[in-house]
Protein backbone atom coordinates (compact mmCIF):
# COMPACT_ATOMS: atom_id res chain seq x y z
CA MET A 1 -2.57 17.95 8.57
CA VAL A 2 -4.40 17.32 11.62
CA VAL A 3 -7.53 15.46 11.78
CA TYR A 4 -10.44 15.70 14.34
CA LEU A 5 -13.00 12.79 14.13
CA ALA A 6 -15.90 14.57 15.23
CA GLN A 7 -18.31 11.53 14.70
CA GLY A 8 -18.12 8.22 13.43
CA GLU A 9 -15.39 5.28 13.62
CA LEU A 10 -12.50 5.23 11.21
CA LYS A 11 -9.75 2.39 9.88
CA HIS A 12 -6.77 3.87 8.68
CA THR A 13 -4.25 1.49 6.90
CA ARG A 14 -0.31 2.23 5.89
CA GLU A 15 1.37 -0.06 4.60
CA ASP A 16 1.03 -3.20 7.36
CA VAL A 17 -0.26 -0.62 10.38
CA ILE A 18 -3.64 -0.35 11.14
CA ASN A 19 -4.67 2.46 13.29
CA TYR A 20 -8.71 2.58 14.51
CA PHE A 21 -10.11 6.01 15.60
CA SER A 22 -13.41 6.54 16.83
CA SER A 23 -15.12 9.85 17.73
CA LYS A 24 -13.30 12.93 19.61
CA GLN A 25 -9.96 11.51 18.45
CA SER A 26 -7.22 13.14 16.20
CA LEU A 27 -4.65 12.12 14.31
CA ILE A 28 -1.80 13.64 12.31
CA GLU A 29 -1.33 12.91 9.08
CA SER A 30 1.48 13.37 6.70
CA ASN A 31 2.46 12.27 3.39
CA ASN A 32 5.49 10.43 2.86
CA ASP A 33 5.15 8.55 -0.29
CA ASP A 34 3.50 5.89 1.28
CA GLU A 35 0.08 4.71 0.38
CA HIS A 36 -2.86 5.28 2.90
CA PHE A 37 -6.32 4.10 2.93
CA VAL A 38 -9.05 5.56 5.50
CA GLU A 39 -12.32 3.62 5.76
CA ASN A 40 -15.44 4.78 7.51
CA ILE A 41 -16.52 1.57 9.67
CA GLY A 42 -18.95 2.65 11.58
CA ASN A 43 -22.59 2.50 11.06
CA GLU A 44 -23.23 6.60 10.63
CA PRO A 45 -21.31 9.45 8.53
CA ALA A 46 -17.76 10.41 9.16
CA VAL A 47 -17.45 13.61 10.18
CA LEU A 48 -13.72 15.12 9.96
CA TYR A 49 -11.75 18.37 10.24
CA VAL A 50 -8.63 18.95 8.59
CA PHE A 51 -6.69 21.44 10.01
CA GLU A 52 -3.49 22.28 7.46
CA SER A 53 -0.42 24.79 7.29
CA SER A 54 2.37 25.94 5.14
CA ALA A 55 3.66 28.96 4.31
CA VAL A 56 3.46 31.07 1.34
CA GLY A 57 4.41 29.47 -1.91
CA LEU A 58 5.37 26.53 -0.34
CA PRO A 59 3.47 23.07 -0.91
CA SER A 60 1.54 21.56 1.80
CA THR A 61 2.79 18.12 1.26
CA ILE A 62 6.37 17.63 0.28
CA ASN A 63 6.90 14.11 -2.27
CA LYS A 64 10.53 12.59 -1.89
């Protein structure tokens, strides 16, 4: 998945890795069986556009 943050500020935590994102930034998100958390840390609502692709008949994420 490609996530575009159109508005707001996010904190993304996956295990011990913390990343911060602000308006007009993008990130790539995948499911590698790791728990992750996304938190809105700004003073306004976060607006995200999420783009996902897959093939017909296949899941969009694969859990190992």
